[in-house]
Amino acid sequence: MSVVERAAIAPSHGEVVGAWREIMDQASALDLADRIVIAVKLRAKADALAVYEGLARDAEDLARDVRAFAVAVRVQNPLTKVFLAVGLASGMLGFLGLWSFLVVTSTAEMAQTTAALVGVLTAASGVVVVAVVRGAVEAARAAVEELSTHPSTVLLEEVRAAEEHLFGIFGQRVPEPPISAVPLVVLGVAGAAIGLVVAALAGVGTAA
């Protein structure tokens, strides 16, 4: 890729990044699936643009601007909150199982009511993990079905021509990342599995 001058990209940069910010503002009124689509796609485009503009001559301020936008998109991405919810639920599941195991092994006469309470809380945390992961999977699936009718597609299409022009200056194509809930499923399943294993060990200790 040849060196690009700042003057060649500045006007298009302002148009594209400005349009991206407007899309993010409008996305707050959309449903979860559309917000996921917009956040994932805009972050990928912003990250790529930041790399290209970082290589342009005298355009570090433009690169900083788009990097800041990418960070803002990551913070507002619904998947970030979903990851946090899954992590907290999984952590609670593991903590309850571990706590009950430690108490059982250190106190031979643990009250049955306390053991039952721990069991209920552990199961409830597992239900939260499953529910959150299922919701994320359904949202991701909805995000890639019938995209032509989704508001996210309409909004993103409005800036498409300007994006192609800007990325074309660098001799690059506009990134089109896939939408996937696989990382969420892996996180949720791993957290639930660890918690349930520890809880099962606690149950064995109680029975003994």
C-alpha atoms as a PDB file:
ATOM      1  CA  MET A   1       0.000   0.000   0.000  1.00  0.00           C
ATOM      2  CA  SER A   2       1.470   3.349  -1.056  1.00  0.00           C
ATOM      3  CA  VAL A   3       1.737   6.231   1.396  1.00  0.00           C
ATOM      4  CA  VAL A   4      -1.453   8.300   1.512  1.00  0.00           C
ATOM      5  CA  GLU A   5      -1.449  12.008   2.285  1.00  0.00           C
ATOM      6  CA  ARG A   6      -3.648  13.442   5.013  1.00  0.00           C
ATOM      7  CA  ALA A   7      -5.311  15.850   2.602  1.00  0.00           C
ATOM      8  CA  ALA A   8      -6.551  12.926   0.522  1.00  0.00           C
ATOM      9  CA  ILE A   9      -8.470  11.300   3.376  1.00  0.00           C
ATOM     10  CA  ALA A  10      -9.474  14.126   5.733  1.00  0.00           C
ATOM     11  CA  PRO A  11     -12.765  15.084   3.988  1.00  0.00           C
ATOM     12  CA  SER A  12     -13.899  11.467   3.618  1.00  0.00           C
ATOM     13  CA  HIS A  13     -12.795  10.674   7.167  1.00  0.00           C
ATOM     14  CA  GLY A  14     -15.017  13.398   8.566  1.00  0.00           C
ATOM     15  CA  GLU A  15     -17.976  12.272   6.475  1.00  0.00           C
ATOM     16  CA  VAL A  16     -17.657   8.585   7.346  1.00  0.00           C
ATOM     17  CA  VAL A  17     -16.862   8.855  11.055  1.00  0.00           C
ATOM     18  CA  GLY A  18     -19.541  11.500  11.473  1.00  0.00           C
ATOM     19  CA  ALA A  19     -22.075   9.182   9.832  1.00  0.00           C
ATOM     20  CA  TRP A  20     -20.921   6.301  12.055  1.00  0.00           C
ATOM     21  CA  ARG A  21     -21.524   8.393  15.163  1.00  0.00           C
ATOM     22  CA  GLU A  22     -25.021   9.265  13.953  1.00  0.00           C
ATOM     23  CA  ILE A  23     -25.738   5.585  13.336  1.00  0.00           C
ATOM     24  CA  MET A  24     -24.646   4.709  16.872  1.00  0.00           C
ATOM     25  CA  ASP A  25     -26.930   7.420  18.254  1.00  0.00           C
ATOM     26  CA  GLN A  26     -29.887   6.083  16.275  1.00  0.00           C
ATOM     27  CA  ALA A  27     -29.059   2.489  17.186  1.00  0.00           C
ATOM     28  CA  SER A  28     -29.953   3.121  20.826  1.00  0.00           C
ATOM     29  CA  ALA A  29     -33.631   3.027  19.817  1.00  0.00           C
ATOM     30  CA  LEU A  30     -33.353  -0.303  17.957  1.00  0.00           C
ATOM     31  CA  ASP A  31     -33.796  -3.839  19.251  1.00  0.00           C
ATOM     32  CA  LEU A  32     -30.955  -6.012  20.530  1.00  0.00           C
ATOM     33  CA  ALA A  33     -30.246  -7.832  17.259  1.00  0.00           C
ATOM     34  CA  ASP A  34     -29.870  -4.607  15.272  1.00  0.00           C
ATOM     35  CA  ARG A  35     -27.674  -3.033  17.952  1.00  0.00           C
ATOM     36  CA  ILE A  36     -25.409  -6.088  17.879  1.00  0.00           C
ATOM     37  CA  VAL A  37     -25.108  -5.930  14.070  1.00  0.00           C
ATOM     38  CA  ILE A  38     -24.310  -2.214  14.081  1.00  0.00           C
ATOM     39  CA  ALA A  39     -21.803  -2.399  16.942  1.00  0.00           C
ATOM     40  CA  VAL A  40     -19.914  -5.409  15.566  1.00  0.00           C
ATOM     41  CA  LYS A  41     -19.707  -4.054  12.025  1.00  0.00           C
ATOM     42  CA  LEU A  42     -18.809  -0.482  12.926  1.00  0.00           C
ATOM     43  CA  ARG A  43     -16.124  -1.547  15.381  1.00  0.00           C
ATOM     44  CA  ALA A  44     -14.477  -3.763  12.757  1.00  0.00           C
ATOM     45  CA  LYS A  45     -14.551  -0.950  10.215  1.00  0.00           C
ATOM     46  CA  ALA A  46     -13.232   1.589  12.720  1.00  0.00           C
ATOM     47  CA  ASP A  47     -10.388  -0.700  13.847  1.00  0.00           C
ATOM     48  CA  ALA A  48      -9.332  -1.286  10.242  1.00  0.00           C
ATOM     49  CA  LEU A  49      -9.572   2.387   9.336  1.00  0.00           C
ATOM     50  CA  ALA A  50      -7.460   3.339  12.353  1.00  0.00           C
ATOM     51  CA  VAL A  51      -4.697   1.026  11.123  1.00  0.00           C
ATOM     52  CA  TYR A  52      -4.752   2.461   7.603  1.00  0.00           C
ATOM     53  CA  GLU A  53      -4.895   6.067   8.749  1.00  0.00           C
ATOM     54  CA  GLY A  54      -2.074   5.399  11.172  1.00  0.00           C
ATOM     55  CA  LEU A  55       0.107   4.648   8.150  1.00  0.00           C
ATOM     56  CA  ALA A  56      -0.904   7.811   6.294  1.00  0.00           C
ATOM     57  CA  ARG A  57       1.369  10.850   6.358  1.00  0.00           C
ATOM     58  CA  ASP A  58       0.475  13.493   8.989  1.00  0.00           C
ATOM     59  CA  ALA A  59      -2.838  11.771   9.802  1.00  0.00           C
ATOM     60  CA  GLU A  60      -2.219  10.609  13.367  1.00  0.00           C
ATOM     61  CA  ASP A  61      -4.985  12.900  14.629  1.00  0.00           C
ATOM     62  CA  LEU A  62      -7.446  11.190  12.294  1.00  0.00           C
ATOM     63  CA  ALA A  63      -6.275   7.774  13.455  1.00  0.00           C
ATOM     64  CA  ARG A  64      -6.731   8.820  17.098  1.00  0.00           C
ATOM     65  CA  ASP A  65     -10.224  10.048  16.316  1.00  0.00           C
ATOM     66  CA  VAL A  66     -11.335   6.775  14.780  1.00  0.00           C
ATOM     67  CA  ARG A  67      -9.621   4.736  17.507  1.00  0.00           C
ATOM     68  CA  ALA A  68     -11.590   6.686  20.114  1.00  0.00           C
ATOM     69  CA  PHE A  69     -14.761   5.920  18.179  1.00  0.00           C
ATOM     70  CA  ALA A  70     -13.902   2.201  18.115  1.00  0.00           C
ATOM     71  CA  VAL A  71     -13.472   2.224  21.904  1.00  0.00           C
ATOM     72  CA  ALA A  72     -16.835   3.955  22.339  1.00  0.00           C
ATOM     73  CA  VAL A  73     -18.508   1.358  20.124  1.00  0.00           C
ATOM     74  CA  ARG A  74     -16.974  -1.482  22.128  1.00  0.00           C
ATOM     75  CA  VAL A  75     -18.310   0.021  25.362  1.00  0.00           C
ATOM     76  CA  GLN A  76     -21.807   0.433  23.896  1.00  0.00           C
ATOM     77  CA  ASN A  77     -21.871  -2.992  22.253  1.00  0.00           C
ATOM     78  CA  PRO A  78     -24.690  -5.063  23.857  1.00  0.00           C
ATOM     79  CA  LEU A  79     -22.450  -8.126  23.645  1.00  0.00           C
ATOM     80  CA  THR A  80     -20.044  -6.508  26.104  1.00  0.00           C
ATOM     81  CA  LYS A  81     -22.803  -6.395  28.716  1.00  0.00           C
ATOM     82  CA  VAL A  82     -23.886  -9.936  27.841  1.00  0.00           C
ATOM     83  CA  PHE A  83     -20.318 -11.197  28.325  1.00  0.00           C
ATOM     84  CA  LEU A  84     -20.259  -9.460  31.696  1.00  0.00           C
ATOM     85  CA  ALA A  85     -23.580 -11.004  32.718  1.00  0.00           C
ATOM     86  CA  VAL A  86     -22.441 -14.485  31.695  1.00  0.00           C
ATOM     87  CA  GLY A  87     -19.132 -14.037  33.472  1.00  0.00           C
ATOM     88  CA  LEU A  88     -20.804 -12.868  36.679  1.00  0.00           C
ATOM     89  CA  ALA A  89     -23.378 -15.664  36.614  1.00  0.00           C
ATOM     90  CA  SER A  90     -20.722 -18.278  35.890  1.00  0.00           C
ATOM     91  CA  GLY A  91     -18.488 -16.869  38.601  1.00  0.00           C
ATOM     92  CA  MET A  92     -21.344 -16.964  41.102  1.00  0.00           C
ATOM     93  CA  LEU A  93     -22.070 -20.558  40.141  1.00  0.00           C
ATOM     94  CA  GLY A  94     -18.468 -21.574  40.692  1.00  0.00           C
ATOM     95  CA  PHE A  95     -18.188 -19.562  43.897  1.00  0.00           C
ATOM     96  CA  LEU A  96     -21.263 -21.163  45.441  1.00  0.00           C
ATOM     97  CA  GLY A  97     -20.045 -24.629  44.562  1.00  0.00           C
ATOM     98  CA  LEU A  98     -16.548 -23.932  45.881  1.00  0.00           C
ATOM     99  CA  TRP A  99     -17.852 -22.288  49.043  1.00  0.00           C
ATOM    100  CA  SER A 100     -20.167 -25.179  49.818  1.00  0.00           C
ATOM    101  CA  PHE A 101     -17.342 -27.646  49.177  1.00  0.00           C
ATOM    102  CA  LEU A 102     -14.975 -25.832  51.544  1.00  0.00           C
ATOM    103  CA  VAL A 103     -17.596 -25.543  54.264  1.00  0.00           C
ATOM    104  CA  VAL A 104     -18.538 -29.202  53.958  1.00  0.00           C
ATOM    105  CA  THR A 105     -14.952 -30.375  54.153  1.00  0.00           C
ATOM    106  CA  SER A 106     -14.191 -28.141  57.148  1.00  0.00           C
ATOM    107  CA  THR A 107     -17.430 -28.676  59.062  1.00  0.00           C
ATOM    108  CA  ALA A 108     -18.636 -32.214  59.321  1.00  0.00           C
ATOM    109  CA  GLU A 109     -21.998 -31.260  60.812  1.00  0.00           C
ATOM    110  CA  MET A 110     -23.115 -28.708  58.255  1.00  0.00           C
ATOM    111  CA  ALA A 111     -26.844 -28.002  58.625  1.00  0.00           C
ATOM    112  CA  GLN A 112     -29.022 -29.611  55.989  1.00  0.00           C
ATOM    113  CA  THR A 113     -30.967 -26.369  55.484  1.00  0.00           C
ATOM    114  CA  THR A 114     -27.752 -24.516  54.645  1.00  0.00           C
ATOM    115  CA  ALA A 115     -26.729 -27.237  52.214  1.00  0.00           C
ATOM    116  CA  ALA A 116     -30.145 -27.068  50.569  1.00  0.00           C
ATOM    117  CA  LEU A 117     -29.916 -23.282  50.271  1.00  0.00           C
ATOM    118  CA  VAL A 118     -26.514 -23.523  48.607  1.00  0.00           C
ATOM    119  CA  GLY A 119     -27.889 -26.111  46.218  1.00  0.00           C
ATOM    120  CA  VAL A 120     -30.813 -23.868  45.245  1.00  0.00           C
ATOM    121  CA  LEU A 121     -28.572 -20.825  44.708  1.00  0.00           C
ATOM    122  CA  THR A 122     -26.132 -22.879  42.659  1.00  0.00           C
ATOM    123  CA  ALA A 123     -28.909 -24.199  40.437  1.00  0.00           C
ATOM    124  CA  ALA A 124     -30.371 -20.694  40.079  1.00  0.00           C
ATOM    125  CA  SER A 125     -27.010 -19.323  38.930  1.00  0.00           C
ATOM    126  CA  GLY A 126     -26.793 -22.111  36.371  1.00  0.00           C
ATOM    127  CA  VAL A 127     -30.242 -21.165  35.068  1.00  0.00           C
ATOM    128  CA  VAL A 128     -29.080 -17.559  34.660  1.00  0.00           C
ATOM    129  CA  VAL A 129     -26.071 -18.679  32.619  1.00  0.00           C
ATOM    130  CA  VAL A 130     -28.221 -20.826  30.339  1.00  0.00           C
ATOM    131  CA  ALA A 131     -30.828 -18.082  29.897  1.00  0.00           C
ATOM    132  CA  VAL A 132     -28.286 -15.396  29.042  1.00  0.00           C
ATOM    133  CA  VAL A 133     -26.436 -17.598  26.563  1.00  0.00           C
ATOM    134  CA  ARG A 134     -29.684 -18.678  24.912  1.00  0.00           C
ATOM    135  CA  GLY A 135     -30.746 -15.046  24.566  1.00  0.00           C
ATOM    136  CA  ALA A 136     -27.425 -14.089  23.002  1.00  0.00           C
ATOM    137  CA  VAL A 137     -27.621 -16.962  20.510  1.00  0.00           C
ATOM    138  CA  GLU A 138     -31.155 -16.010  19.501  1.00  0.00           C
ATOM    139  CA  ALA A 139     -30.137 -12.367  19.080  1.00  0.00           C
ATOM    140  CA  ALA A 140     -27.159 -13.303  16.920  1.00  0.00           C
ATOM    141  CA  ARG A 141     -29.296 -15.600  14.786  1.00  0.00           C
ATOM    142  CA  ALA A 142     -31.923 -12.900  14.340  1.00  0.00           C
ATOM    143  CA  ALA A 143     -29.166 -10.467  13.408  1.00  0.00           C
ATOM    144  CA  VAL A 144     -28.223 -12.446  10.300  1.00  0.00           C
ATOM    145  CA  GLU A 145     -31.736 -13.432   9.186  1.00  0.00           C
ATOM    146  CA  GLU A 146     -33.589 -11.313   6.646  1.00  0.00           C
ATOM    147  CA  LEU A 147     -31.008  -8.538   6.943  1.00  0.00           C
ATOM    148  CA  SER A 148     -32.546  -6.634   4.049  1.00  0.00           C
ATOM    149  CA  THR A 149     -35.547  -5.807   6.237  1.00  0.00           C
ATOM    150  CA  HIS A 150     -33.598  -4.852   9.368  1.00  0.00           C
ATOM    151  CA  PRO A 151     -33.205  -1.181  10.372  1.00  0.00           C
ATOM    152  CA  SER A 152     -29.498  -1.843  10.961  1.00  0.00           C
ATOM    153  CA  THR A 153     -29.035  -2.714   7.292  1.00  0.00           C
ATOM    154  CA  VAL A 154     -30.829   0.432   6.189  1.00  0.00           C
ATOM    155  CA  LEU A 155     -28.670   2.630   8.414  1.00  0.00           C
ATOM    156  CA  LEU A 156     -25.407   0.972   7.406  1.00  0.00           C
ATOM    157  CA  GLU A 157     -26.286   1.115   3.719  1.00  0.00           C
ATOM    158  CA  GLU A 158     -26.649   4.895   3.870  1.00  0.00           C
ATOM    159  CA  VAL A 159     -22.924   5.344   4.543  1.00  0.00           C
ATOM    160  CA  ARG A 160     -21.725   2.461   2.368  1.00  0.00           C
ATOM    161  CA  ALA A 161     -20.744   4.583  -0.644  1.00  0.00           C
ATOM    162  CA  ALA A 162     -18.694   6.953   1.523  1.00  0.00           C
ATOM    163  CA  GLU A 163     -17.010   3.994   3.251  1.00  0.00           C
ATOM    164  CA  GLU A 164     -16.056   2.412  -0.066  1.00  0.00           C
ATOM    165  CA  HIS A 165     -14.570   5.691  -1.249  1.00  0.00           C
ATOM    166  CA  LEU A 166     -12.520   6.170   1.936  1.00  0.00           C
ATOM    167  CA  PHE A 167     -11.214   2.606   2.115  1.00  0.00           C
ATOM    168  CA  GLY A 168     -10.617   2.720  -1.633  1.00  0.00           C
ATOM    169  CA  ILE A 169      -8.107   5.537  -1.120  1.00  0.00           C
ATOM    170  CA  PHE A 170      -5.991   2.994   0.770  1.00  0.00           C
ATOM    171  CA  GLY A 171      -6.613   0.333  -1.863  1.00  0.00           C
ATOM    172  CA  GLN A 172      -8.660  -1.683   0.623  1.00  0.00           C
ATOM    173  CA  ARG A 173     -12.179  -3.087   0.807  1.00  0.00           C
ATOM    174  CA  VAL A 174     -14.662  -2.241   3.536  1.00  0.00           C
ATOM    175  CA  PRO A 175     -14.468  -4.964   6.255  1.00  0.00           C
ATOM    176  CA  GLU A 176     -17.564  -7.130   6.683  1.00  0.00           C
ATOM    177  CA  PRO A 177     -17.186  -9.147   9.901  1.00  0.00           C
ATOM    178  CA  PRO A 178     -19.525 -12.103  10.558  1.00  0.00           C
ATOM    179  CA  ILE A 179     -21.941 -12.056  13.474  1.00  0.00           C
ATOM    180  CA  SER A 180     -21.439 -14.997  15.842  1.00  0.00           C
ATOM    181  CA  ALA A 181     -22.470 -16.012  19.360  1.00  0.00           C
ATOM    182  CA  VAL A 182     -19.895 -18.826  19.576  1.00  0.00           C
ATOM    183  CA  PRO A 183     -17.628 -17.019  22.108  1.00  0.00           C
ATOM    184  CA  LEU A 184     -20.632 -16.466  24.370  1.00  0.00           C
ATOM    185  CA  VAL A 185     -21.620 -20.111  24.173  1.00  0.00           C
ATOM    186  CA  VAL A 186     -18.067 -21.219  25.009  1.00  0.00           C
ATOM    187  CA  LEU A 187     -17.862 -18.808  27.949  1.00  0.00           C
ATOM    188  CA  GLY A 188     -21.241 -19.777  29.332  1.00  0.00           C
ATOM    189  CA  VAL A 189     -20.744 -23.514  28.952  1.00  0.00           C
ATOM    190  CA  ALA A 190     -17.249 -23.385  30.483  1.00  0.00           C
ATOM    191  CA  GLY A 191     -18.417 -21.318  33.447  1.00  0.00           C
ATOM    192  CA  ALA A 192     -21.446 -23.510  34.047  1.00  0.00           C
ATOM    193  CA  ALA A 193     -19.409 -26.708  33.722  1.00  0.00           C
ATOM    194  CA  ILE A 194     -16.795 -25.572  36.219  1.00  0.00           C
ATOM    195  CA  GLY A 195     -19.428 -24.467  38.704  1.00  0.00           C
ATOM    196  CA  LEU A 196     -21.437 -27.669  38.365  1.00  0.00           C
ATOM    197  CA  VAL A 197     -18.342 -29.861  38.771  1.00  0.00           C
ATOM    198  CA  VAL A 198     -17.395 -28.101  41.991  1.00  0.00           C
ATOM    199  CA  ALA A 199     -21.005 -28.241  43.179  1.00  0.00           C
ATOM    200  CA  ALA A 200     -21.078 -31.971  42.426  1.00  0.00           C
ATOM    201  CA  LEU A 201     -17.928 -32.449  44.482  1.00  0.00           C
ATOM    202  CA  ALA A 202     -19.637 -30.608  47.308  1.00  0.00           C
ATOM    203  CA  GLY A 203     -22.589 -32.961  47.024  1.00  0.00           C
ATOM    204  CA  VAL A 204     -20.287 -35.969  47.289  1.00  0.00           C
ATOM    205  CA  GLY A 205     -18.700 -34.427  50.370  1.00  0.00           C
ATOM    206  CA  THR A 206     -22.115 -33.858  51.929  1.00  0.00           C
ATOM    207  CA  ALA A 207     -23.192 -37.425  51.256  1.00  0.00           C
ATOM    208  CA  ALA A 208     -19.980 -38.721  52.782  1.00  0.00           C
END
